[in-house]
Amino acid sequence: MSHARSIRRRAWFEWAVASAASVLAFVTLVWHNWIEIVFGVDPDEGSGAVEWAIVLVLALVASGAAVAGSYEMRQARVVSRDIGMASRKT
């Protein structure tokens, strides 16, 4: 497998993580008591602090993963371009 393909695969994984984190953050914003329903616990005793913390963490994860994925895809383009230029010279 080429180096550029490996980088692209990593970028797609990071974008998938960003998408999943975004969806979970949105679900938590819209349906704030899903944690209590799914896990059967109320960690903040109804104050909503845990939900807001989860939204914040998920938003940070989504942003970071999206930026990392974009960086990886740019790197893959640079590597592909450099390989293409090297093959034209020979």
PDB file of N, CA and C in Angstrom:
ATOM      1  N   MET A   1       0.839  -1.169   0.000  1.00  0.00           N
ATOM      2  CA  MET A   1       0.000   0.000   0.000  1.00  0.00           C
ATOM      3  C   MET A   1       0.893   1.243   0.000  1.00  0.00           C
ATOM      4  N   SER A   2       0.533   2.211  -0.823  1.00  0.00           N
ATOM      5  CA  SER A   2       1.353   3.410  -0.916  1.00  0.00           C
ATOM      6  C   SER A   2       1.175   4.292   0.308  1.00  0.00           C
ATOM      7  N   HIS A   3       2.156   5.150   0.503  1.00  0.00           N
ATOM      8  CA  HIS A   3       2.119   6.067   1.645  1.00  0.00           C
ATOM      9  C   HIS A   3       0.927   7.020   1.534  1.00  0.00           C
ATOM     10  N   ALA A   4       0.653   7.512   0.333  1.00  0.00           N
ATOM     11  CA  ALA A   4      -0.475   8.428   0.131  1.00  0.00           C
ATOM     12  C   ALA A   4      -1.802   7.740   0.445  1.00  0.00           C
ATOM     13  N   ARG A   5      -1.933   6.489   0.067  1.00  0.00           N
ATOM     14  CA  ARG A   5      -3.174   5.755   0.339  1.00  0.00           C
ATOM     15  C   ARG A   5      -3.356   5.556   1.844  1.00  0.00           C
ATOM     16  N   SER A   6      -2.271   5.278   2.540  1.00  0.00           N
ATOM     17  CA  SER A   6      -2.325   5.113   3.995  1.00  0.00           C
ATOM     18  C   SER A   6      -2.762   6.414   4.662  1.00  0.00           C
ATOM     19  N   ILE A   7      -2.233   7.526   4.183  1.00  0.00           N
ATOM     20  CA  ILE A   7      -2.605   8.826   4.736  1.00  0.00           C
ATOM     21  C   ILE A   7      -4.079   9.106   4.461  1.00  0.00           C
ATOM     22  N   ARG A   8      -4.553   8.811   3.242  1.00  0.00           N
ATOM     23  CA  ARG A   8      -5.961   9.032   2.912  1.00  0.00           C
ATOM     24  C   ARG A   8      -6.881   8.184   3.795  1.00  0.00           C
ATOM     25  N   ARG A   9      -6.496   6.952   4.044  1.00  0.00           N
ATOM     26  CA  ARG A   9      -7.305   6.079   4.896  1.00  0.00           C
ATOM     27  C   ARG A   9      -7.417   6.681   6.301  1.00  0.00           C
ATOM     28  N   ARG A  10      -6.319   7.198   6.816  1.00  0.00           N
ATOM     29  CA  ARG A  10      -6.319   7.841   8.128  1.00  0.00           C
ATOM     30  C   ARG A  10      -7.217   9.090   8.121  1.00  0.00           C
ATOM     31  N   ALA A  11      -7.177   9.853   7.029  1.00  0.00           N
ATOM     32  CA  ALA A  11      -8.021  11.050   6.916  1.00  0.00           C
ATOM     33  C   ALA A  11      -9.489  10.671   6.932  1.00  0.00           C
ATOM     34  N   TRP A  12      -9.857   9.641   6.191  1.00  0.00           N
ATOM     35  CA  TRP A  12     -11.262   9.214   6.181  1.00  0.00           C
ATOM     36  C   TRP A  12     -11.686   8.739   7.566  1.00  0.00           C
ATOM     37  N   PHE A  13     -10.820   8.043   8.286  1.00  0.00           N
ATOM     38  CA  PHE A  13     -11.138   7.608   9.642  1.00  0.00           C
ATOM     39  C   PHE A  13     -11.362   8.814  10.547  1.00  0.00           C
ATOM     40  N   GLU A  14     -10.491   9.809  10.438  1.00  0.00           N
ATOM     41  CA  GLU A  14     -10.638  11.000  11.268  1.00  0.00           C
ATOM     42  C   GLU A  14     -11.922  11.753  10.942  1.00  0.00           C
ATOM     43  N   TRP A  15     -12.284  11.795   9.664  1.00  0.00           N
ATOM     44  CA  TRP A  15     -13.549  12.444   9.298  1.00  0.00           C
ATOM     45  C   TRP A  15     -14.746  11.651   9.812  1.00  0.00           C
ATOM     46  N   ALA A  16     -14.639  10.332   9.827  1.00  0.00           N
ATOM     47  CA  ALA A  16     -15.721   9.509  10.383  1.00  0.00           C
ATOM     48  C   ALA A  16     -15.875   9.774  11.883  1.00  0.00           C
ATOM     49  N   VAL A  17     -14.753   9.886  12.591  1.00  0.00           N
ATOM     50  CA  VAL A  17     -14.799  10.215  14.023  1.00  0.00           C
ATOM     51  C   VAL A  17     -15.432  11.589  14.226  1.00  0.00           C
ATOM     52  N   ALA A  18     -15.046  12.542  13.389  1.00  0.00           N
ATOM     53  CA  ALA A  18     -15.618  13.894  13.483  1.00  0.00           C
ATOM     54  C   ALA A  18     -17.124  13.867  13.240  1.00  0.00           C
ATOM     55  N   SER A  19     -17.552  13.089  12.266  1.00  0.00           N
ATOM     56  CA  SER A  19     -18.987  12.989  11.972  1.00  0.00           C
ATOM     57  C   SER A  19     -19.753  12.356  13.128  1.00  0.00           C
ATOM     58  N   ALA A  20     -19.214  11.265  13.659  1.00  0.00           N
ATOM     59  CA  ALA A  20     -19.885  10.586  14.776  1.00  0.00           C
ATOM     60  C   ALA A  20     -19.956  11.498  15.995  1.00  0.00           C
ATOM     61  N   ALA A  21     -18.879  12.204  16.295  1.00  0.00           N
ATOM     62  CA  ALA A  21     -18.883  13.115  17.440  1.00  0.00           C
ATOM     63  C   ALA A  21     -19.872  14.258  17.223  1.00  0.00           C
ATOM     64  N   SER A  22     -19.967  14.751  16.000  1.00  0.00           N
ATOM     65  CA  SER A  22     -20.927  15.820  15.691  1.00  0.00           C
ATOM     66  C   SER A  22     -22.363  15.346  15.883  1.00  0.00           C
ATOM     67  N   VAL A  23     -22.648  14.159  15.398  1.00  0.00           N
ATOM     68  CA  VAL A  23     -24.002  13.606  15.550  1.00  0.00           C
ATOM     69  C   VAL A  23     -24.335  13.420  17.027  1.00  0.00           C
ATOM     70  N   LEU A  24     -23.401  12.854  17.788  1.00  0.00           N
ATOM     71  CA  LEU A  24     -23.655  12.656  19.215  1.00  0.00           C
ATOM     72  C   LEU A  24     -23.814  13.991  19.954  1.00  0.00           C
ATOM     73  N   ALA A  25     -23.039  14.995  19.581  1.00  0.00           N
ATOM     74  CA  ALA A  25     -23.182  16.317  20.200  1.00  0.00           C
ATOM     75  C   ALA A  25     -24.551  16.896  19.885  1.00  0.00           C
ATOM     76  N   PHE A  26     -24.986  16.757  18.642  1.00  0.00           N
ATOM     77  CA  PHE A  26     -26.301  17.268  18.249  1.00  0.00           C
ATOM     78  C   PHE A  26     -27.415  16.525  18.975  1.00  0.00           C
ATOM     79  N   VAL A  27     -27.301  15.204  19.043  1.00  0.00           N
ATOM     80  CA  VAL A  27     -28.309  14.407  19.758  1.00  0.00           C
ATOM     81  C   VAL A  27     -28.371  14.835  21.224  1.00  0.00           C
ATOM     82  N   THR A  28     -27.225  15.079  21.821  1.00  0.00           N
ATOM     83  CA  THR A  28     -27.195  15.496  23.226  1.00  0.00           C
ATOM     84  C   THR A  28     -27.822  16.874  23.401  1.00  0.00           C
ATOM     85  N   LEU A  29     -27.629  17.761  22.439  1.00  0.00           N
ATOM     86  CA  LEU A  29     -28.261  19.083  22.510  1.00  0.00           C
ATOM     87  C   LEU A  29     -29.782  18.995  22.393  1.00  0.00           C
ATOM     88  N   VAL A  30     -30.245  18.160  21.463  1.00  0.00           N
ATOM     89  CA  VAL A  30     -31.681  18.063  21.201  1.00  0.00           C
ATOM     90  C   VAL A  30     -32.386  17.175  22.221  1.00  0.00           C
ATOM     91  N   TRP A  31     -31.775  16.059  22.564  1.00  0.00           N
ATOM     92  CA  TRP A  31     -32.407  15.063  23.435  1.00  0.00           C
ATOM     93  C   TRP A  31     -31.506  14.901  24.654  1.00  0.00           C
ATOM     94  N   HIS A  32     -31.517  15.897  25.514  1.00  0.00           N
ATOM     95  CA  HIS A  32     -30.539  16.007  26.592  1.00  0.00           C
ATOM     96  C   HIS A  32     -30.614  14.924  27.653  1.00  0.00           C
ATOM     97  N   ASN A  33     -31.693  14.183  27.741  1.00  0.00           N
ATOM     98  CA  ASN A  33     -31.791  13.148  28.777  1.00  0.00           C
ATOM     99  C   ASN A  33     -31.541  11.738  28.244  1.00  0.00           C
ATOM    100  N   TRP A  34     -30.903  11.621  27.075  1.00  0.00           N
ATOM    101  CA  TRP A  34     -30.657  10.286  26.527  1.00  0.00           C
ATOM    102  C   TRP A  34     -29.709   9.486  27.409  1.00  0.00           C
ATOM    103  N   ILE A  35     -28.832  10.157  28.115  1.00  0.00           N
ATOM    104  CA  ILE A  35     -27.889   9.448  28.988  1.00  0.00           C
ATOM    105  C   ILE A  35     -28.646   8.734  30.103  1.00  0.00           C
ATOM    106  N   GLU A  36     -29.591   9.439  30.693  1.00  0.00           N
ATOM    107  CA  GLU A  36     -30.393   8.837  31.763  1.00  0.00           C
ATOM    108  C   GLU A  36     -31.217   7.659  31.240  1.00  0.00           C
ATOM    109  N   ILE A  37     -31.751   7.802  30.030  1.00  0.00           N
ATOM    110  CA  ILE A  37     -32.590   6.743  29.456  1.00  0.00           C
ATOM    111  C   ILE A  37     -31.749   5.530  29.057  1.00  0.00           C
ATOM    112  N   VAL A  38     -30.644   5.760  28.366  1.00  0.00           N
ATOM    113  CA  VAL A  38     -29.829   4.653  27.859  1.00  0.00           C
ATOM    114  C   VAL A  38     -29.094   3.921  28.976  1.00  0.00           C
ATOM    115  N   PHE A  39     -28.468   4.687  29.885  1.00  0.00           N
ATOM    116  CA  PHE A  39     -27.634   4.071  30.914  1.00  0.00           C
ATOM    117  C   PHE A  39     -28.355   3.887  32.253  1.00  0.00           C
ATOM    118  N   GLY A  40     -29.507   4.498  32.405  1.00  0.00           N
ATOM    119  CA  GLY A  40     -30.272   4.335  33.634  1.00  0.00           C
ATOM    120  C   GLY A  40     -29.671   5.016  34.847  1.00  0.00           C
ATOM    121  N   VAL A  41     -28.837   6.014  34.622  1.00  0.00           N
ATOM    122  CA  VAL A  41     -28.243   6.768  35.727  1.00  0.00           C
ATOM    123  C   VAL A  41     -28.469   8.257  35.499  1.00  0.00           C
ATOM    124  N   ASP A  42     -28.447   9.011  36.571  1.00  0.00           N
ATOM    125  CA  ASP A  42     -28.587  10.464  36.496  1.00  0.00           C
ATOM    126  C   ASP A  42     -27.382  11.074  37.214  1.00  0.00           C
ATOM    127  N   PRO A  43     -26.252  11.196  36.509  1.00  0.00           N
ATOM    128  CA  PRO A  43     -25.013  11.594  37.171  1.00  0.00           C
ATOM    129  C   PRO A  43     -25.029  13.011  37.748  1.00  0.00           C
ATOM    130  N   ASP A  44     -25.817  13.892  37.184  1.00  0.00           N
ATOM    131  CA  ASP A  44     -25.827  15.273  37.663  1.00  0.00           C
ATOM    132  C   ASP A  44     -27.115  15.625  38.403  1.00  0.00           C
ATOM    133  N   GLU A  45     -27.922  14.627  38.686  1.00  0.00           N
ATOM    134  CA  GLU A  45     -29.179  14.785  39.427  1.00  0.00           C
ATOM    135  C   GLU A  45     -30.076  15.857  38.830  1.00  0.00           C
ATOM    136  N   GLY A  46     -30.156  15.863  37.493  1.00  0.00           N
ATOM    137  CA  GLY A  46     -31.095  16.743  36.804  1.00  0.00           C
ATOM    138  C   GLY A  46     -30.592  18.133  36.490  1.00  0.00           C
ATOM    139  N   SER A  47     -29.365  18.485  36.821  1.00  0.00           N
ATOM    140  CA  SER A  47     -28.897  19.844  36.565  1.00  0.00           C
ATOM    141  C   SER A  47     -28.517  20.080  35.101  1.00  0.00           C
ATOM    142  N   GLY A  48     -28.170  19.035  34.379  1.00  0.00           N
ATOM    143  CA  GLY A  48     -27.786  19.173  32.976  1.00  0.00           C
ATOM    144  C   GLY A  48     -26.310  19.471  32.767  1.00  0.00           C
ATOM    145  N   ALA A  49     -25.542  19.558  33.837  1.00  0.00           N
ATOM    146  CA  ALA A  49     -24.118  19.883  33.716  1.00  0.00           C
ATOM    147  C   ALA A  49     -23.352  18.815  32.944  1.00  0.00           C
ATOM    148  N   VAL A  50     -23.679  17.567  33.176  1.00  0.00           N
ATOM    149  CA  VAL A  50     -22.976  16.484  32.475  1.00  0.00           C
ATOM    150  C   VAL A  50     -23.276  16.545  30.976  1.00  0.00           C
ATOM    151  N   GLU A  51     -24.520  16.816  30.631  1.00  0.00           N
ATOM    152  CA  GLU A  51     -24.880  16.912  29.219  1.00  0.00           C
ATOM    153  C   GLU A  51     -24.109  18.035  28.529  1.00  0.00           C
ATOM    154  N   TRP A  52     -24.004  19.200  29.183  1.00  0.00           N
ATOM    155  CA  TRP A  52     -23.259  20.311  28.586  1.00  0.00           C
ATOM    156  C   TRP A  52     -21.782  19.976  28.476  1.00  0.00           C
ATOM    157  N   ALA A  53     -21.248  19.290  29.446  1.00  0.00           N
ATOM    158  CA  ALA A  53     -19.841  18.872  29.371  1.00  0.00           C
ATOM    159  C   ALA A  53     -19.630  17.897  28.211  1.00  0.00           C
ATOM    160  N   ILE A  54     -20.581  16.992  28.032  1.00  0.00           N
ATOM    161  CA  ILE A  54     -20.486  16.033  26.926  1.00  0.00           C
ATOM    162  C   ILE A  54     -20.553  16.757  25.589  1.00  0.00           C
ATOM    163  N   VAL A  55     -21.457  17.720  25.463  1.00  0.00           N
ATOM    164  CA  VAL A  55     -21.559  18.493  24.219  1.00  0.00           C
ATOM    165  C   VAL A  55     -20.242  19.210  23.939  1.00  0.00           C
ATOM    166  N   LEU A  56     -19.666  19.827  24.957  1.00  0.00           N
ATOM    167  CA  LEU A  56     -18.405  20.541  24.791  1.00  0.00           C
ATOM    168  C   LEU A  56     -17.281  19.598  24.366  1.00  0.00           C
ATOM    169  N   VAL A  57     -17.153  18.468  25.041  1.00  0.00           N
ATOM    170  CA  VAL A  57     -16.091  17.507  24.709  1.00  0.00           C
ATOM    171  C   VAL A  57     -16.295  16.951  23.300  1.00  0.00           C
ATOM    172  N   LEU A  58     -17.528  16.596  22.959  1.00  0.00           N
ATOM    173  CA  LEU A  58     -17.796  16.061  21.621  1.00  0.00           C
ATOM    174  C   LEU A  58     -17.542  17.103  20.540  1.00  0.00           C
ATOM    175  N   ALA A  59     -17.878  18.344  20.801  1.00  0.00           N
ATOM    176  CA  ALA A  59     -17.610  19.411  19.830  1.00  0.00           C
ATOM    177  C   ALA A  59     -16.104  19.598  19.637  1.00  0.00           C
ATOM    178  N   LEU A  60     -15.348  19.526  20.716  1.00  0.00           N
ATOM    179  CA  LEU A  60     -13.893  19.634  20.611  1.00  0.00           C
ATOM    180  C   LEU A  60     -13.297  18.451  19.852  1.00  0.00           C
ATOM    181  N   VAL A  61     -13.797  17.256  20.133  1.00  0.00           N
ATOM    182  CA  VAL A  61     -13.326  16.060  19.421  1.00  0.00           C
ATOM    183  C   VAL A  61     -13.659  16.169  17.937  1.00  0.00           C
ATOM    184  N   ALA A  62     -14.890  16.590  17.629  1.00  0.00           N
ATOM    185  CA  ALA A  62     -15.302  16.724  16.230  1.00  0.00           C
ATOM    186  C   ALA A  62     -14.433  17.749  15.500  1.00  0.00           C
ATOM    187  N   SER A  63     -14.197  18.882  16.135  1.00  0.00           N
ATOM    188  CA  SER A  63     -13.365  19.919  15.509  1.00  0.00           C
ATOM    189  C   SER A  63     -11.937  19.434  15.300  1.00  0.00           C
ATOM    190  N   GLY A  64     -11.379  18.835  16.319  1.00  0.00           N
ATOM    191  CA  GLY A  64     -10.007  18.341  16.215  1.00  0.00           C
ATOM    192  C   GLY A  64      -9.860  17.261  15.159  1.00  0.00           C
ATOM    193  N   ALA A  65     -10.794  16.329  15.121  1.00  0.00           N
ATOM    194  CA  ALA A  65     -10.722  15.248  14.135  1.00  0.00           C
ATOM    195  C   ALA A  65     -10.920  15.776  12.717  1.00  0.00           C
ATOM    196  N   ALA A  66     -11.801  16.754  12.551  1.00  0.00           N
ATOM    197  CA  ALA A  66     -12.014  17.332  11.222  1.00  0.00           C
ATOM    198  C   ALA A  66     -10.765  18.063  10.735  1.00  0.00           C
ATOM    199  N   VAL A  67     -10.140  18.815  11.615  1.00  0.00           N
ATOM    200  CA  VAL A  67      -8.905  19.523  11.251  1.00  0.00           C
ATOM    201  C   VAL A  67      -7.803  18.516  10.942  1.00  0.00           C
ATOM    202  N   ALA A  68      -7.671  17.490  11.767  1.00  0.00           N
ATOM    203  CA  ALA A  68      -6.650  16.469  11.535  1.00  0.00           C
ATOM    204  C   ALA A  68      -6.888  15.746  10.214  1.00  0.00           C
ATOM    205  N   GLY A  69      -8.148  15.428   9.910  1.00  0.00           N
ATOM    206  CA  GLY A  69      -8.469  14.767   8.646  1.00  0.00           C
ATOM    207  C   GLY A  69      -8.140  15.634   7.447  1.00  0.00           C
ATOM    208  N   SER A  70      -8.420  16.923   7.554  1.00  0.00           N
ATOM    209  CA  SER A  70      -8.092  17.843   6.465  1.00  0.00           C
ATOM    210  C   SER A  70      -6.583  17.937   6.268  1.00  0.00           C
ATOM    211  N   TYR A  71      -5.858  17.997   7.371  1.00  0.00           N
ATOM    212  CA  TYR A  71      -4.395  18.034   7.296  1.00  0.00           C
ATOM    213  C   TYR A  71      -3.858  16.765   6.633  1.00  0.00           C
ATOM    214  N   GLU A  72      -4.390  15.617   7.044  1.00  0.00           N
ATOM    215  CA  GLU A  72      -3.933  14.340   6.471  1.00  0.00           C
ATOM    216  C   GLU A  72      -4.212  14.283   4.966  1.00  0.00           C
ATOM    217  N   MET A  73      -5.380  14.769   4.547  1.00  0.00           N
ATOM    218  CA  MET A  73      -5.714  14.732   3.123  1.00  0.00           C
ATOM    219  C   MET A  73      -4.796  15.665   2.337  1.00  0.00           C
ATOM    220  N   ARG A  74      -4.463  16.818   2.912  1.00  0.00           N
ATOM    221  CA  ARG A  74      -3.502  17.724   2.258  1.00  0.00           C
ATOM    222  C   ARG A  74      -2.140  17.045   2.119  1.00  0.00           C
ATOM    223  N   GLN A  75      -1.734  16.337   3.178  1.00  0.00           N
ATOM    224  CA  GLN A  75      -0.458  15.616   3.128  1.00  0.00           C
ATOM    225  C   GLN A  75      -0.481  14.553   2.033  1.00  0.00           C
ATOM    226  N   ALA A  76      -1.604  13.855   1.895  1.00  0.00           N
ATOM    227  CA  ALA A  76      -1.717  12.819   0.865  1.00  0.00           C
ATOM    228  C   ALA A  76      -1.596  13.434  -0.528  1.00  0.00           C
ATOM    229  N   ARG A  77      -2.186  14.613  -0.709  1.00  0.00           N
ATOM    230  CA  ARG A  77      -2.085  15.280  -2.016  1.00  0.00           C
ATOM    231  C   ARG A  77      -0.640  15.680  -2.314  1.00  0.00           C
ATOM    232  N   VAL A  78       0.055  16.163  -1.298  1.00  0.00           N
ATOM    233  CA  VAL A  78       1.459  16.562  -1.473  1.00  0.00           C
ATOM    234  C   VAL A  78       2.297  15.338  -1.830  1.00  0.00           C
ATOM    235  N   VAL A  79       2.091  14.241  -1.111  1.00  0.00           N
ATOM    236  CA  VAL A  79       2.853  13.018  -1.384  1.00  0.00           C
ATOM    237  C   VAL A  79       2.541  12.512  -2.784  1.00  0.00           C
ATOM    238  N   SER A  80       1.267  12.505  -3.174  1.00  0.00           N
ATOM    239  CA  SER A  80       0.888  12.043  -4.516  1.00  0.00           C
ATOM    240  C   SER A  80       1.503  12.928  -5.587  1.00  0.00           C
ATOM    241  N   ARG A  81       1.471  14.245  -5.356  1.00  0.00           N
ATOM    242  CA  ARG A  81       2.045  15.174  -6.324  1.00  0.00           C
ATOM    243  C   ARG A  81       3.552  14.956  -6.448  1.00  0.00           C
ATOM    244  N   ASP A  82       4.225  14.785  -5.308  1.00  0.00           N
ATOM    245  CA  ASP A  82       5.678  14.574  -5.334  1.00  0.00           C
ATOM    246  C   ASP A  82       6.032  13.274  -6.036  1.00  0.00           C
ATOM    247  N   ILE A  83       5.240  12.242  -5.818  1.00  0.00           N
ATOM    248  CA  ILE A  83       5.483  10.954  -6.494  1.00  0.00           C
ATOM    249  C   ILE A  83       5.267  11.114  -7.990  1.00  0.00           C
ATOM    250  N   GLY A  84       4.212  11.852  -8.365  1.00  0.00           N
ATOM    251  CA  GLY A  84       3.946  12.095  -9.782  1.00  0.00           C
ATOM    252  C   GLY A  84       5.053  12.881 -10.446  1.00  0.00           C
ATOM    253  N   MET A  85       5.573  13.895  -9.760  1.00  0.00           N
ATOM    254  CA  MET A  85       6.666  14.694 -10.321  1.00  0.00           C
ATOM    255  C   MET A  85       7.939  13.875 -10.438  1.00  0.00           C
ATOM    256  N   ALA A  86       8.204  13.002  -9.466  1.00  0.00           N
ATOM    257  CA  ALA A  86       9.399  12.170  -9.488  1.00  0.00           C
ATOM    258  C   ALA A  86       9.338  11.169 -10.650  1.00  0.00           C
ATOM    259  N   SER A  87       8.128  10.635 -10.919  1.00  0.00           N
ATOM    260  CA  SER A  87       8.021   9.653 -11.994  1.00  0.00           C
ATOM    261  C   SER A  87       8.147  10.310 -13.367  1.00  0.00           C
ATOM    262  N   ARG A  88       7.789  11.585 -13.486  1.00  0.00           N
ATOM    263  CA  ARG A  88       7.934  12.294 -14.770  1.00  0.00           C
ATOM    264  C   ARG A  88       9.393  12.597 -15.067  1.00  0.00           C
ATOM    265  N   LYS A  89      10.199  12.782 -14.031  1.00  0.00           N
ATOM    266  CA  LYS A  89      11.612  13.122 -14.226  1.00  0.00           C
ATOM    267  C   LYS A  89      12.421  11.932 -14.721  1.00  0.00           C
ATOM    268  N   THR A  90      11.947  10.731 -14.446  1.00  0.00           N
ATOM    269  CA  THR A  90      12.731   9.557 -14.849  1.00  0.00           C
ATOM    270  C   THR A  90      12.344   9.045 -16.193  1.00  0.00           C
TER     271      THR A  90
END
